[in-house]
Amino acid sequence: MATGAPAAEGEASTLLFGSLDAAASTFATAGAKIALDRLDRPGFVALASAGIGRRVERSSCTCDTRAGVASLARHTFLGSALVGYQWFADWGVVAAYAGVEGSREAILDGNTLYVFPGRTGLRLHGEVWARPSTDTLLAATAILGSARGDAWTRIALGYRLWDTYLGPEVGLYADRTGYRKWSIGLHGTDFAIGRFGLRASAGFQFESSGGAGSPYVAVSAWTDL
């Protein structure tokens, strides 16, 4: 859902990014961050992204007396266009964005597909990438959207080993349907393969639909132009 990338990269003015969160519920995002000047300087920044997700939901079912519960697959399409500003300090970067978002959802119930009308709304997005010391990292992201009435946040701590920040992360997602998702795991951030910067995470995810939780993996990649 977020860029997955540091708030500034190199001397470029454009950063391309993509991410995939794979578990019992899955979401993939791709987008671009564009600065009027350069991404490694304070100033105005535009952020555009598009994503698609799928999750399984359970609801009461009177048509099957043996089970009493139906499993539904909810598919979500989401896009946003934001404008913001990034501030630099000796300890790191803070970025704040606001703009519009649009979403459309569909539910697959057996062989029947229900497509809901599209929604538009306001999105607020904030990021902090702090380095309290040479070898430590604190990354925090929060996103609020009115199109789906949802909120997402992630906080990660890291210590630099082998040119990569390694440490714990926690995440929380909630929306107006009453759905909740919590995750806790470990991440490796800011390592490189060729010209791509990467973040990889793994851990366990818990959903309000019940169950003992499921493992998740998440990968983000970014590169500048």
C-alpha atoms as a PDB file:
ATOM      1  CA  MET A   1       0.000   0.000   0.000  1.00  0.00           C
ATOM      2  CA  ALA A   2       2.884   2.359   0.637  1.00  0.00           C
ATOM      3  CA  THR A   3       5.883   3.084  -1.518  1.00  0.00           C
ATOM      4  CA  GLY A   4       8.074   0.743   0.496  1.00  0.00           C
ATOM      5  CA  ALA A   5      10.988   2.998  -0.405  1.00  0.00           C
ATOM      6  CA  PRO A   6      12.915   5.669   1.468  1.00  0.00           C
ATOM      7  CA  ALA A   7      11.489   9.146   1.037  1.00  0.00           C
ATOM      8  CA  ALA A   8      14.454  10.138  -1.135  1.00  0.00           C
ATOM      9  CA  GLU A   9      16.731   8.187  -3.429  1.00  0.00           C
ATOM     10  CA  GLY A  10      19.861   9.535  -5.098  1.00  0.00           C
ATOM     11  CA  GLU A  11      19.874  12.561  -7.384  1.00  0.00           C
ATOM     12  CA  ALA A  12      16.905  11.517  -9.554  1.00  0.00           C
ATOM     13  CA  SER A  13      13.594  13.336  -9.866  1.00  0.00           C
ATOM     14  CA  THR A  14      11.479  10.195 -10.454  1.00  0.00           C
ATOM     15  CA  LEU A  15      11.248   6.989  -8.426  1.00  0.00           C
ATOM     16  CA  LEU A  16       9.345   3.921  -9.655  1.00  0.00           C
ATOM     17  CA  PHE A  17       8.170   1.431  -7.036  1.00  0.00           C
ATOM     18  CA  GLY A  18       6.174  -1.740  -6.631  1.00  0.00           C
ATOM     19  CA  SER A  19       5.179  -4.003  -3.754  1.00  0.00           C
ATOM     20  CA  LEU A  20       3.493  -7.331  -3.104  1.00  0.00           C
ATOM     21  CA  ASP A  21       2.035  -8.504   0.205  1.00  0.00           C
ATOM     22  CA  ALA A  22       1.169 -12.193  -0.094  1.00  0.00           C
ATOM     23  CA  ALA A  23      -0.742 -14.163   2.552  1.00  0.00           C
ATOM     24  CA  ALA A  24      -4.316 -15.261   3.155  1.00  0.00           C
ATOM     25  CA  SER A  25      -5.122 -11.748   1.935  1.00  0.00           C
ATOM     26  CA  THR A  26      -2.965 -10.358  -0.866  1.00  0.00           C
ATOM     27  CA  PHE A  27      -2.357  -6.868  -2.223  1.00  0.00           C
ATOM     28  CA  ALA A  28      -0.065  -5.615  -5.013  1.00  0.00           C
ATOM     29  CA  THR A  29       0.808  -1.979  -5.740  1.00  0.00           C
ATOM     30  CA  ALA A  30       2.793  -0.115  -8.406  1.00  0.00           C
ATOM     31  CA  GLY A  31       3.410   3.586  -8.827  1.00  0.00           C
ATOM     32  CA  ALA A  32       5.750   6.535  -9.170  1.00  0.00           C
ATOM     33  CA  LYS A  33       7.045   9.374  -7.007  1.00  0.00           C
ATOM     34  CA  ILE A  34       8.040  12.558  -8.843  1.00  0.00           C
ATOM     35  CA  ALA A  35       9.842  15.594  -7.437  1.00  0.00           C
ATOM     36  CA  LEU A  36       9.820  19.054  -9.004  1.00  0.00           C
ATOM     37  CA  ASP A  37      13.579  19.237  -8.420  1.00  0.00           C
ATOM     38  CA  ARG A  38      15.318  16.174  -6.951  1.00  0.00           C
ATOM     39  CA  LEU A  39      14.170  13.473  -4.566  1.00  0.00           C
ATOM     40  CA  ASP A  40      17.124  14.031  -2.239  1.00  0.00           C
ATOM     41  CA  ARG A  41      16.132  17.653  -1.541  1.00  0.00           C
ATOM     42  CA  PRO A  42      13.270  19.282   0.392  1.00  0.00           C
ATOM     43  CA  GLY A  43      10.341  20.228  -1.785  1.00  0.00           C
ATOM     44  CA  PHE A  44       7.035  19.287  -3.352  1.00  0.00           C
ATOM     45  CA  VAL A  45       6.496  15.710  -4.481  1.00  0.00           C
ATOM     46  CA  ALA A  46       3.720  13.959  -6.425  1.00  0.00           C
ATOM     47  CA  LEU A  47       2.806  10.354  -5.637  1.00  0.00           C
ATOM     48  CA  ALA A  48       0.626   8.200  -7.916  1.00  0.00           C
ATOM     49  CA  SER A  49      -0.184   4.526  -7.405  1.00  0.00           C
ATOM     50  CA  ALA A  50      -2.564   1.748  -8.423  1.00  0.00           C
ATOM     51  CA  GLY A  51      -3.230  -1.514  -6.645  1.00  0.00           C
ATOM     52  CA  ILE A  52      -5.270  -4.678  -6.673  1.00  0.00           C
ATOM     53  CA  GLY A  53      -6.095  -6.953  -3.750  1.00  0.00           C
ATOM     54  CA  ARG A  54      -7.978 -10.105  -2.809  1.00  0.00           C
ATOM     55  CA  ARG A  55      -9.164 -11.442   0.519  1.00  0.00           C
ATOM     56  CA  VAL A  56     -11.494 -14.198   1.723  1.00  0.00           C
ATOM     57  CA  GLU A  57     -14.432 -13.233   3.922  1.00  0.00           C
ATOM     58  CA  ARG A  58     -16.947 -15.340   5.790  1.00  0.00           C
ATOM     59  CA  SER A  59     -20.639 -14.581   6.215  1.00  0.00           C
ATOM     60  CA  SER A  60     -23.737 -16.309   7.556  1.00  0.00           C
ATOM     61  CA  CYS A  61     -25.394 -18.604   5.024  1.00  0.00           C
ATOM     62  CA  THR A  62     -28.885 -20.077   5.299  1.00  0.00           C
ATOM     63  CA  CYS A  63     -28.611 -21.963   2.018  1.00  0.00           C
ATOM     64  CA  ASP A  64     -26.192 -24.576   3.393  1.00  0.00           C
ATOM     65  CA  THR A  65     -27.394 -25.966   6.692  1.00  0.00           C
ATOM     66  CA  ARG A  66     -24.376 -28.242   6.956  1.00  0.00           C
ATOM     67  CA  ALA A  67     -21.857 -25.439   7.184  1.00  0.00           C
ATOM     68  CA  GLY A  68     -23.864 -22.342   8.072  1.00  0.00           C
ATOM     69  CA  VAL A  69     -21.019 -20.155   6.807  1.00  0.00           C
ATOM     70  CA  ALA A  70     -20.167 -19.037   3.269  1.00  0.00           C
ATOM     71  CA  SER A  71     -16.700 -18.039   2.064  1.00  0.00           C
ATOM     72  CA  LEU A  72     -16.616 -15.027  -0.237  1.00  0.00           C
ATOM     73  CA  ALA A  73     -13.684 -13.593  -2.174  1.00  0.00           C
ATOM     74  CA  ARG A  74     -13.522  -9.788  -2.156  1.00  0.00           C
ATOM     75  CA  HIS A  75     -11.501  -8.172  -4.955  1.00  0.00           C
ATOM     76  CA  THR A  76     -10.445  -4.543  -4.634  1.00  0.00           C
ATOM     77  CA  PHE A  77      -9.082  -2.117  -7.230  1.00  0.00           C
ATOM     78  CA  LEU A  78      -7.565   1.088  -5.878  1.00  0.00           C
ATOM     79  CA  GLY A  79      -5.847   4.116  -7.420  1.00  0.00           C
ATOM     80  CA  SER A  80      -4.656   7.450  -6.045  1.00  0.00           C
ATOM     81  CA  ALA A  81      -2.964  10.685  -7.063  1.00  0.00           C
ATOM     82  CA  LEU A  82      -1.393  12.730  -4.256  1.00  0.00           C
ATOM     83  CA  VAL A  83       0.688  15.866  -3.839  1.00  0.00           C
ATOM     84  CA  GLY A  84       2.858  16.496  -0.835  1.00  0.00           C
ATOM     85  CA  TYR A  85       6.033  17.921   0.642  1.00  0.00           C
ATOM     86  CA  GLN A  86       9.136  16.295   2.114  1.00  0.00           C
ATOM     87  CA  TRP A  87      11.286  17.758   4.878  1.00  0.00           C
ATOM     88  CA  PHE A  88      14.908  16.795   5.543  1.00  0.00           C
ATOM     89  CA  ALA A  89      16.806  16.832   8.823  1.00  0.00           C
ATOM     90  CA  ASP A  90      20.120  15.423   9.983  1.00  0.00           C
ATOM     91  CA  TRP A  91      18.279  12.411  11.433  1.00  0.00           C
ATOM     92  CA  GLY A  92      16.063  11.586   8.429  1.00  0.00           C
ATOM     93  CA  VAL A  93      13.102  12.543   6.251  1.00  0.00           C
ATOM     94  CA  VAL A  94       9.409  13.297   6.857  1.00  0.00           C
ATOM     95  CA  ALA A  95       6.918  13.346   3.975  1.00  0.00           C
ATOM     96  CA  ALA A  96       3.199  14.202   3.970  1.00  0.00           C
ATOM     97  CA  TYR A  97       0.763  13.848   1.063  1.00  0.00           C
ATOM     98  CA  ALA A  98      -2.909  14.506   0.344  1.00  0.00           C
ATOM     99  CA  GLY A  99      -5.035  13.921  -2.726  1.00  0.00           C
ATOM    100  CA  VAL A 100      -7.779  11.893  -4.326  1.00  0.00           C
ATOM    101  CA  GLU A 101      -8.347   8.162  -4.491  1.00  0.00           C
ATOM    102  CA  GLY A 102     -10.801   5.924  -6.263  1.00  0.00           C
ATOM    103  CA  SER A 103     -11.806   2.334  -5.603  1.00  0.00           C
ATOM    104  CA  ARG A 104     -14.035  -0.391  -6.962  1.00  0.00           C
ATOM    105  CA  GLU A 105     -14.853  -3.689  -5.310  1.00  0.00           C
ATOM    106  CA  ALA A 106     -16.332  -6.993  -6.418  1.00  0.00           C
ATOM    107  CA  ILE A 107     -17.353 -10.074  -4.423  1.00  0.00           C
ATOM    108  CA  LEU A 108     -17.211 -13.561  -5.878  1.00  0.00           C
ATOM    109  CA  ASP A 109     -19.772 -15.834  -4.200  1.00  0.00           C
ATOM    110  CA  GLY A 110     -19.352 -19.266  -5.741  1.00  0.00           C
ATOM    111  CA  ASN A 111     -19.893 -18.694  -9.459  1.00  0.00           C
ATOM    112  CA  THR A 112     -21.678 -15.363  -8.989  1.00  0.00           C
ATOM    113  CA  LEU A 113     -19.797 -12.067  -9.238  1.00  0.00           C
ATOM    114  CA  TYR A 114     -21.238  -8.941  -7.575  1.00  0.00           C
ATOM    115  CA  VAL A 115     -19.628  -5.691  -8.743  1.00  0.00           C
ATOM    116  CA  PHE A 116     -20.190  -2.613  -6.577  1.00  0.00           C
ATOM    117  CA  PRO A 117     -20.275   1.008  -7.786  1.00  0.00           C
ATOM    118  CA  GLY A 118     -16.976   2.867  -7.751  1.00  0.00           C
ATOM    119  CA  ARG A 119     -16.150   5.238  -4.907  1.00  0.00           C
ATOM    120  CA  THR A 120     -13.952   8.330  -4.787  1.00  0.00           C
ATOM    121  CA  GLY A 121     -12.593  10.126  -1.772  1.00  0.00           C
ATOM    122  CA  LEU A 122      -9.711  11.805   0.020  1.00  0.00           C
ATOM    123  CA  ARG A 123      -6.439  10.096   0.880  1.00  0.00           C
ATOM    124  CA  LEU A 124      -3.877  11.226   3.467  1.00  0.00           C
ATOM    125  CA  HIS A 125      -0.432   9.632   3.499  1.00  0.00           C
ATOM    126  CA  GLY A 126       2.483  10.240   5.862  1.00  0.00           C
ATOM    127  CA  GLU A 127       5.955   8.702   6.076  1.00  0.00           C
ATOM    128  CA  VAL A 128       8.926   8.995   8.428  1.00  0.00           C
ATOM    129  CA  TRP A 129      12.351   7.539   7.617  1.00  0.00           C
ATOM    130  CA  ALA A 130      14.575   8.260  10.612  1.00  0.00           C
ATOM    131  CA  ARG A 131      18.119   7.175  11.315  1.00  0.00           C
ATOM    132  CA  PRO A 132      18.668   7.897  15.034  1.00  0.00           C
ATOM    133  CA  SER A 133      22.267   6.736  14.636  1.00  0.00           C
ATOM    134  CA  THR A 134      24.537   5.596  11.822  1.00  0.00           C
ATOM    135  CA  ASP A 135      23.457   1.978  12.217  1.00  0.00           C
ATOM    136  CA  THR A 136      19.769   2.246  13.182  1.00  0.00           C
ATOM    137  CA  LEU A 137      16.532   2.859  11.281  1.00  0.00           C
ATOM    138  CA  LEU A 138      12.981   3.786  12.250  1.00  0.00           C
ATOM    139  CA  ALA A 139      10.432   3.686   9.418  1.00  0.00           C
ATOM    140  CA  ALA A 140       6.753   4.535   9.900  1.00  0.00           C
ATOM    141  CA  THR A 141       3.948   4.904   7.361  1.00  0.00           C
ATOM    142  CA  ALA A 142       0.272   5.784   7.890  1.00  0.00           C
ATOM    143  CA  ILE A 143      -2.463   6.006   5.242  1.00  0.00           C
ATOM    144  CA  LEU A 144      -6.093   7.079   5.661  1.00  0.00           C
ATOM    145  CA  GLY A 145      -8.628   6.830   2.825  1.00  0.00           C
ATOM    146  CA  SER A 146     -12.275   7.856   2.679  1.00  0.00           C
ATOM    147  CA  ALA A 147     -13.195   5.994  -0.531  1.00  0.00           C
ATOM    148  CA  ARG A 148     -13.213   2.675   1.342  1.00  0.00           C
ATOM    149  CA  GLY A 149     -13.150   4.092   4.860  1.00  0.00           C
ATOM    150  CA  ASP A 150      -9.854   2.363   5.568  1.00  0.00           C
ATOM    151  CA  ALA A 151      -6.638   2.929   7.475  1.00  0.00           C
ATOM    152  CA  TRP A 152      -3.231   1.244   7.253  1.00  0.00           C
ATOM    153  CA  THR A 153      -0.061   1.718   9.252  1.00  0.00           C
ATOM    154  CA  ARG A 154       3.337   0.040   9.483  1.00  0.00           C
ATOM    155  CA  ILE A 155       6.212   0.613  11.900  1.00  0.00           C
ATOM    156  CA  ALA A 156       9.639  -0.984  11.491  1.00  0.00           C
ATOM    157  CA  LEU A 157      12.882  -0.848  13.443  1.00  0.00           C
ATOM    158  CA  GLY A 158      16.215  -1.886  11.990  1.00  0.00           C
ATOM    159  CA  TYR A 159      19.899  -2.282  12.748  1.00  0.00           C
ATOM    160  CA  ARG A 160      22.455  -2.219   9.945  1.00  0.00           C
ATOM    161  CA  LEU A 161      24.131  -5.549   9.238  1.00  0.00           C
ATOM    162  CA  TRP A 162      25.825  -6.462   5.944  1.00  0.00           C
ATOM    163  CA  ASP A 163      24.721  -3.129   4.407  1.00  0.00           C
ATOM    164  CA  THR A 164      21.050  -3.908   5.177  1.00  0.00           C
ATOM    165  CA  TYR A 165      18.751  -2.789   7.985  1.00  0.00           C
ATOM    166  CA  LEU A 166      17.345  -5.859   9.770  1.00  0.00           C
ATOM    167  CA  GLY A 167      14.702  -5.845  12.481  1.00  0.00           C
ATOM    168  CA  PRO A 168      11.062  -6.252  13.542  1.00  0.00           C
ATOM    169  CA  GLU A 169       7.960  -4.764  11.928  1.00  0.00           C
ATOM    170  CA  VAL A 170       4.283  -4.519  12.863  1.00  0.00           C
ATOM    171  CA  GLY A 171       1.315  -3.560  10.696  1.00  0.00           C
ATOM    172  CA  LEU A 172      -2.400  -2.877  11.132  1.00  0.00           C
ATOM    173  CA  TYR A 173      -5.198  -2.497   8.574  1.00  0.00           C
ATOM    174  CA  ALA A 174      -8.895  -1.749   9.149  1.00  0.00           C
ATOM    175  CA  ASP A 175     -11.850  -0.673   6.997  1.00  0.00           C
ATOM    176  CA  ARG A 176     -15.522   0.237   7.255  1.00  0.00           C
ATOM    177  CA  THR A 177     -16.717  -3.325   6.639  1.00  0.00           C
ATOM    178  CA  GLY A 178     -15.422  -4.299  10.086  1.00  0.00           C
ATOM    179  CA  TYR A 179     -12.463  -6.191   8.649  1.00  0.00           C
ATOM    180  CA  ARG A 180      -9.220  -6.019  10.645  1.00  0.00           C
ATOM    181  CA  LYS A 181      -5.754  -7.365   9.894  1.00  0.00           C
ATOM    182  CA  TRP A 182      -2.675  -7.416  12.135  1.00  0.00           C
ATOM    183  CA  SER A 183       0.812  -8.532  11.143  1.00  0.00           C
ATOM    184  CA  ILE A 184       4.109  -8.971  12.937  1.00  0.00           C
ATOM    185  CA  GLY A 185       7.365 -10.083  11.385  1.00  0.00           C
ATOM    186  CA  LEU A 186      10.966  -9.365  10.438  1.00  0.00           C
ATOM    187  CA  HIS A 187      12.241  -7.223   7.589  1.00  0.00           C
ATOM    188  CA  GLY A 188      15.406  -6.510   5.635  1.00  0.00           C
ATOM    189  CA  THR A 189      15.380  -2.988   4.175  1.00  0.00           C
ATOM    190  CA  ASP A 190      17.552  -0.995   1.796  1.00  0.00           C
ATOM    191  CA  PHE A 191      19.555  -3.751   0.143  1.00  0.00           C
ATOM    192  CA  ALA A 192      20.305  -3.645  -3.566  1.00  0.00           C
ATOM    193  CA  ILE A 193      20.192  -5.962  -6.567  1.00  0.00           C
ATOM    194  CA  GLY A 194      21.583  -4.146  -9.569  1.00  0.00           C
ATOM    195  CA  ARG A 195      19.915  -0.734  -9.799  1.00  0.00           C
ATOM    196  CA  PHE A 196      16.962  -1.805  -7.656  1.00  0.00           C
ATOM    197  CA  GLY A 197      16.565  -1.088  -3.949  1.00  0.00           C
ATOM    198  CA  LEU A 198      14.636  -3.762  -2.065  1.00  0.00           C
ATOM    199  CA  ARG A 199      12.763  -4.519   1.130  1.00  0.00           C
ATOM    200  CA  ALA A 200      11.703  -8.056   2.088  1.00  0.00           C
ATOM    201  CA  SER A 201       9.548  -9.083   5.050  1.00  0.00           C
ATOM    202  CA  ALA A 202       8.154 -12.292   6.510  1.00  0.00           C
ATOM    203  CA  GLY A 203       6.031 -13.096   9.528  1.00  0.00           C
ATOM    204  CA  PHE A 204       2.499 -13.931  10.650  1.00  0.00           C
ATOM    205  CA  GLN A 205      -0.784 -12.239   9.811  1.00  0.00           C
ATOM    206  CA  PHE A 206      -3.996 -12.380  11.848  1.00  0.00           C
ATOM    207  CA  GLU A 207      -7.439 -11.437  10.510  1.00  0.00           C
ATOM    208  CA  SER A 208     -10.731 -10.564  12.177  1.00  0.00           C
ATOM    209  CA  SER A 209     -12.392 -13.398  10.232  1.00  0.00           C
ATOM    210  CA  GLY A 210     -10.786 -15.758  12.740  1.00  0.00           C
ATOM    211  CA  GLY A 211      -8.352 -18.619  12.572  1.00  0.00           C
ATOM    212  CA  ALA A 212      -4.914 -19.148  14.021  1.00  0.00           C
ATOM    213  CA  GLY A 213      -3.238 -16.746  11.617  1.00  0.00           C
ATOM    214  CA  SER A 214      -1.227 -17.383   8.485  1.00  0.00           C
ATOM    215  CA  PRO A 215       2.320 -16.663   7.335  1.00  0.00           C
ATOM    216  CA  TYR A 216       2.952 -13.698   5.059  1.00  0.00           C
ATOM    217  CA  VAL A 217       5.741 -12.500   2.832  1.00  0.00           C
ATOM    218  CA  ALA A 218       6.141  -8.995   1.446  1.00  0.00           C
ATOM    219  CA  VAL A 219       8.538  -7.593  -1.146  1.00  0.00           C
ATOM    220  CA  SER A 220       9.012  -3.978  -2.251  1.00  0.00           C
ATOM    221  CA  ALA A 221      11.319  -2.741  -4.991  1.00  0.00           C
ATOM    222  CA  TRP A 222      12.206   0.721  -6.268  1.00  0.00           C
ATOM    223  CA  THR A 223      14.489   2.308  -8.819  1.00  0.00           C
ATOM    224  CA  ASP A 224      15.109   5.862  -9.964  1.00  0.00           C
ATOM    225  CA  LEU A 225      15.061   7.351 -13.446  1.00  0.00           C
END
